[in-house]
Amino acid sequence: MPCACDHDCSLDRLRDRQRNTLRAVLAINAVMFFVIGNARAELRAAPAG
């Protein structure tokens, strides 16, 4: 996408970088949600004692 000036181009690059960072963080959070949920389910299923 051609930009009118360097300032617009730098904002576009920053926006793309932030979008990629946000997606990575959301993916890590989703994985950790399932890991913790799975560990909790296994702890509840383990026999006490």
PDB file of N, CA and C in Angstrom:
ATOM      1  N   MET A   1       0.850  -1.171   0.000  1.00  0.00           N
ATOM      2  CA  MET A   1       0.000   0.000   0.000  1.00  0.00           C
ATOM      3  C   MET A   1       0.895   1.233   0.000  1.00  0.00           C
ATOM      4  N   PRO A   2       0.827   2.036  -1.061  1.00  0.00           N
ATOM      5  CA  PRO A   2       1.657   3.240  -1.103  1.00  0.00           C
ATOM      6  C   PRO A   2       1.179   4.281  -0.096  1.00  0.00           C
ATOM      7  N   CYS A   3       2.135   4.957   0.504  1.00  0.00           N
ATOM      8  CA  CYS A   3       1.816   5.966   1.514  1.00  0.00           C
ATOM      9  C   CYS A   3       2.072   7.358   0.964  1.00  0.00           C
ATOM     10  N   ALA A   4       1.326   8.328   1.476  1.00  0.00           N
ATOM     11  CA  ALA A   4       1.474   9.712   1.029  1.00  0.00           C
ATOM     12  C   ALA A   4       2.782  10.318   1.526  1.00  0.00           C
ATOM     13  N   CYS A   5       3.203   9.902   2.717  1.00  0.00           N
ATOM     14  CA  CYS A   5       4.456  10.424   3.257  1.00  0.00           C
ATOM     15  C   CYS A   5       5.077   9.375   4.175  1.00  0.00           C
ATOM     16  N   ASP A   6       6.300   9.603   4.604  1.00  0.00           N
ATOM     17  CA  ASP A   6       7.005   8.649   5.457  1.00  0.00           C
ATOM     18  C   ASP A   6       6.294   8.441   6.784  1.00  0.00           C
ATOM     19  N   HIS A   7       5.662   9.489   7.288  1.00  0.00           N
ATOM     20  CA  HIS A   7       4.963   9.396   8.567  1.00  0.00           C
ATOM     21  C   HIS A   7       3.835   8.357   8.491  1.00  0.00           C
ATOM     22  N   ASP A   8       3.069   8.371   7.408  1.00  0.00           N
ATOM     23  CA  ASP A   8       1.987   7.398   7.233  1.00  0.00           C
ATOM     24  C   ASP A   8       2.536   5.984   7.130  1.00  0.00           C
ATOM     25  N   CYS A   9       3.642   5.832   6.423  1.00  0.00           N
ATOM     26  CA  CYS A   9       4.241   4.509   6.266  1.00  0.00           C
ATOM     27  C   CYS A   9       4.723   3.964   7.607  1.00  0.00           C
ATOM     28  N   SER A  10       5.321   4.818   8.412  1.00  0.00           N
ATOM     29  CA  SER A  10       5.805   4.359   9.707  1.00  0.00           C
ATOM     30  C   SER A  10       4.636   3.973  10.613  1.00  0.00           C
ATOM     31  N   LEU A  11       3.524   4.685  10.505  1.00  0.00           N
ATOM     32  CA  LEU A  11       2.337   4.330  11.289  1.00  0.00           C
ATOM     33  C   LEU A  11       1.762   3.000  10.825  1.00  0.00           C
ATOM     34  N   ASP A  12       1.773   2.764   9.533  1.00  0.00           N
ATOM     35  CA  ASP A  12       1.290   1.482   9.011  1.00  0.00           C
ATOM     36  C   ASP A  12       2.169   0.329   9.492  1.00  0.00           C
ATOM     37  N   ARG A  13       3.478   0.530   9.477  1.00  0.00           N
ATOM     38  CA  ARG A  13       4.390  -0.519   9.956  1.00  0.00           C
ATOM     39  C   ARG A  13       4.180  -0.776  11.446  1.00  0.00           C
ATOM     40  N   LEU A  14       4.012   0.285  12.222  1.00  0.00           N
ATOM     41  CA  LEU A  14       3.777   0.145  13.655  1.00  0.00           C
ATOM     42  C   LEU A  14       2.465  -0.594  13.903  1.00  0.00           C
ATOM     43  N   ARG A  15       1.438  -0.253  13.163  1.00  0.00           N
ATOM     44  CA  ARG A  15       0.132  -0.902  13.308  1.00  0.00           C
ATOM     45  C   ARG A  15       0.247  -2.404  12.987  1.00  0.00           C
ATOM     46  N   ASP A  16       0.963  -2.742  11.937  1.00  0.00           N
ATOM     47  CA  ASP A  16       1.156  -4.156  11.575  1.00  0.00           C
ATOM     48  C   ASP A  16       1.934  -4.894  12.662  1.00  0.00           C
ATOM     49  N   ARG A  17       2.967  -4.248  13.184  1.00  0.00           N
ATOM     50  CA  ARG A  17       3.766  -4.877  14.234  1.00  0.00           C
ATOM     51  C   ARG A  17       2.938  -5.089  15.494  1.00  0.00           C
ATOM     52  N   GLN A  18       2.147  -4.106  15.858  1.00  0.00           N
ATOM     53  CA  GLN A  18       1.299  -4.239  17.049  1.00  0.00           C
ATOM     54  C   GLN A  18       0.229  -5.307  16.843  1.00  0.00           C
ATOM     55  N   ARG A  19      -0.319  -5.393  15.635  1.00  0.00           N
ATOM     56  CA  ARG A  19      -1.313  -6.416  15.332  1.00  0.00           C
ATOM     57  C   ARG A  19      -0.706  -7.807  15.492  1.00  0.00           C
ATOM     58  N   ASN A  20       0.495  -7.991  14.968  1.00  0.00           N
ATOM     59  CA  ASN A  20       1.160  -9.285  15.082  1.00  0.00           C
ATOM     60  C   ASN A  20       1.478  -9.626  16.536  1.00  0.00           C
ATOM     61  N   THR A  21       1.905  -8.635  17.299  1.00  0.00           N
ATOM     62  CA  THR A  21       2.195  -8.853  18.715  1.00  0.00           C
ATOM     63  C   THR A  21       0.929  -9.227  19.469  1.00  0.00           C
ATOM     64  N   LEU A  22      -0.152  -8.525  19.201  1.00  0.00           N
ATOM     65  CA  LEU A  22      -1.419  -8.820  19.863  1.00  0.00           C
ATOM     66  C   LEU A  22      -1.896 -10.229  19.535  1.00  0.00           C
ATOM     67  N   ARG A  23      -1.788 -10.631  18.296  1.00  0.00           N
ATOM     68  CA  ARG A  23      -2.197 -11.988  17.912  1.00  0.00           C
ATOM     69  C   ARG A  23      -1.357 -13.040  18.625  1.00  0.00           C
ATOM     70  N   ALA A  24      -0.059 -12.795  18.740  1.00  0.00           N
ATOM     71  CA  ALA A  24       0.810 -13.746  19.439  1.00  0.00           C
ATOM     72  C   ALA A  24       0.430 -13.844  20.908  1.00  0.00           C
ATOM     73  N   VAL A  25       0.179 -12.721  21.538  1.00  0.00           N
ATOM     74  CA  VAL A  25      -0.200 -12.718  22.955  1.00  0.00           C
ATOM     75  C   VAL A  25      -1.542 -13.423  23.150  1.00  0.00           C
ATOM     76  N   LEU A  26      -2.502 -13.168  22.277  1.00  0.00           N
ATOM     77  CA  LEU A  26      -3.801 -13.835  22.378  1.00  0.00           C
ATOM     78  C   LEU A  26      -3.662 -15.346  22.188  1.00  0.00           C
ATOM     79  N   ALA A  27      -2.804 -15.771  21.275  1.00  0.00           N
ATOM     80  CA  ALA A  27      -2.580 -17.204  21.063  1.00  0.00           C
ATOM     81  C   ALA A  27      -1.946 -17.845  22.295  1.00  0.00           C
ATOM     82  N   ILE A  28      -0.970 -17.186  22.890  1.00  0.00           N
ATOM     83  CA  ILE A  28      -0.332 -17.705  24.102  1.00  0.00           C
ATOM     84  C   ILE A  28      -1.351 -17.803  25.228  1.00  0.00           C
ATOM     85  N   ASN A  29      -2.194 -16.774  25.382  1.00  0.00           N
ATOM     86  CA  ASN A  29      -3.226 -16.796  26.422  1.00  0.00           C
ATOM     87  C   ASN A  29      -4.211 -17.932  26.202  1.00  0.00           C
ATOM     88  N   ALA A  30      -4.607 -18.178  24.973  1.00  0.00           N
ATOM     89  CA  ALA A  30      -5.546 -19.260  24.682  1.00  0.00           C
ATOM     90  C   ALA A  30      -4.931 -20.619  25.026  1.00  0.00           C
ATOM     91  N   VAL A  31      -3.679 -20.817  24.665  1.00  0.00           N
ATOM     92  CA  VAL A  31      -2.996 -22.080  24.974  1.00  0.00           C
ATOM     93  C   VAL A  31      -2.896 -22.260  26.483  1.00  0.00           C
ATOM     94  N   MET A  32      -2.502 -21.217  27.192  1.00  0.00           N
ATOM     95  CA  MET A  32      -2.367 -21.323  28.648  1.00  0.00           C
ATOM     96  C   MET A  32      -3.720 -21.572  29.318  1.00  0.00           C
ATOM     97  N   PHE A  33      -4.786 -21.025  28.783  1.00  0.00           N
ATOM     98  CA  PHE A  33      -6.119 -21.268  29.318  1.00  0.00           C
ATOM     99  C   PHE A  33      -6.426 -22.760  29.291  1.00  0.00           C
ATOM    100  N   PHE A  34      -6.137 -23.406  28.162  1.00  0.00           N
ATOM    101  CA  PHE A  34      -6.413 -24.834  28.046  1.00  0.00           C
ATOM    102  C   PHE A  34      -5.443 -25.676  28.869  1.00  0.00           C
ATOM    103  N   VAL A  35      -4.189 -25.269  28.960  1.00  0.00           N
ATOM    104  CA  VAL A  35      -3.217 -26.008  29.769  1.00  0.00           C
ATOM    105  C   VAL A  35      -3.625 -25.983  31.242  1.00  0.00           C
ATOM    106  N   ILE A  36      -3.980 -24.820  31.743  1.00  0.00           N
ATOM    107  CA  ILE A  36      -4.364 -24.693  33.154  1.00  0.00           C
ATOM    108  C   ILE A  36      -5.678 -25.431  33.414  1.00  0.00           C
ATOM    109  N   GLY A  37      -6.633 -25.298  32.500  1.00  0.00           N
ATOM    110  CA  GLY A  37      -7.895 -26.016  32.657  1.00  0.00           C
ATOM    111  C   GLY A  37      -7.708 -27.520  32.662  1.00  0.00           C
ATOM    112  N   ASN A  38      -6.847 -28.007  31.811  1.00  0.00           N
ATOM    113  CA  ASN A  38      -6.560 -29.434  31.749  1.00  0.00           C
ATOM    114  C   ASN A  38      -5.868 -29.909  33.027  1.00  0.00           C
ATOM    115  N   ALA A  39      -4.921 -29.149  33.521  1.00  0.00           N
ATOM    116  CA  ALA A  39      -4.223 -29.518  34.756  1.00  0.00           C
ATOM    117  C   ALA A  39      -5.197 -29.535  35.931  1.00  0.00           C
ATOM    118  N   ARG A  40      -6.085 -28.581  35.962  1.00  0.00           N
ATOM    119  CA  ARG A  40      -7.075 -28.533  37.050  1.00  0.00           C
ATOM    120  C   ARG A  40      -8.003 -29.744  36.978  1.00  0.00           C
ATOM    121  N   ALA A  41      -8.422 -30.108  35.794  1.00  0.00           N
ATOM    122  CA  ALA A  41      -9.298 -31.270  35.631  1.00  0.00           C
ATOM    123  C   ALA A  41      -8.585 -32.553  36.067  1.00  0.00           C
ATOM    124  N   GLU A  42      -7.312 -32.675  35.755  1.00  0.00           N
ATOM    125  CA  GLU A  42      -6.545 -33.857  36.160  1.00  0.00           C
ATOM    126  C   GLU A  42      -6.372 -33.901  37.676  1.00  0.00           C
ATOM    127  N   LEU A  43      -6.161 -32.754  38.309  1.00  0.00           N
ATOM    128  CA  LEU A  43      -6.022 -32.718  39.753  1.00  0.00           C
ATOM    129  C   LEU A  43      -7.330 -33.120  40.438  1.00  0.00           C
ATOM    130  N   ARG A  44      -8.451 -32.694  39.894  1.00  0.00           N
ATOM    131  CA  ARG A  44      -9.737 -33.057  40.475  1.00  0.00           C
ATOM    132  C   ARG A  44     -10.035 -34.546  40.299  1.00  0.00           C
ATOM    133  N   ALA A  45      -9.547 -35.124  39.203  1.00  0.00           N
ATOM    134  CA  ALA A  45      -9.814 -36.536  38.908  1.00  0.00           C
ATOM    135  C   ALA A  45      -8.885 -37.463  39.681  1.00  0.00           C
ATOM    136  N   ALA A  46      -7.768 -36.931  40.186  1.00  0.00           N
ATOM    137  CA  ALA A  46      -6.801 -37.765  40.932  1.00  0.00           C
ATOM    138  C   ALA A  46      -7.409 -38.180  42.272  1.00  0.00           C
ATOM    139  N   PRO A  47      -7.164 -39.413  42.672  1.00  0.00           N
ATOM    140  CA  PRO A  47      -7.679 -39.855  43.980  1.00  0.00           C
ATOM    141  C   PRO A  47      -6.977 -39.120  45.124  1.00  0.00           C
ATOM    142  N   ALA A  48      -7.749 -38.776  46.128  1.00  0.00           N
ATOM    143  CA  ALA A  48      -7.193 -38.085  47.297  1.00  0.00           C
ATOM    144  C   ALA A  48      -6.488 -39.076  48.193  1.00  0.00           C
ATOM    145  N   GLY A  49      -5.385 -38.634  48.739  1.00  0.00           N
ATOM    146  CA  GLY A  49      -4.740 -39.463  49.714  1.00  0.00           C
ATOM    147  C   GLY A  49      -3.385 -39.777  49.364  1.00  0.00           C
TER     148      GLY A  49
END
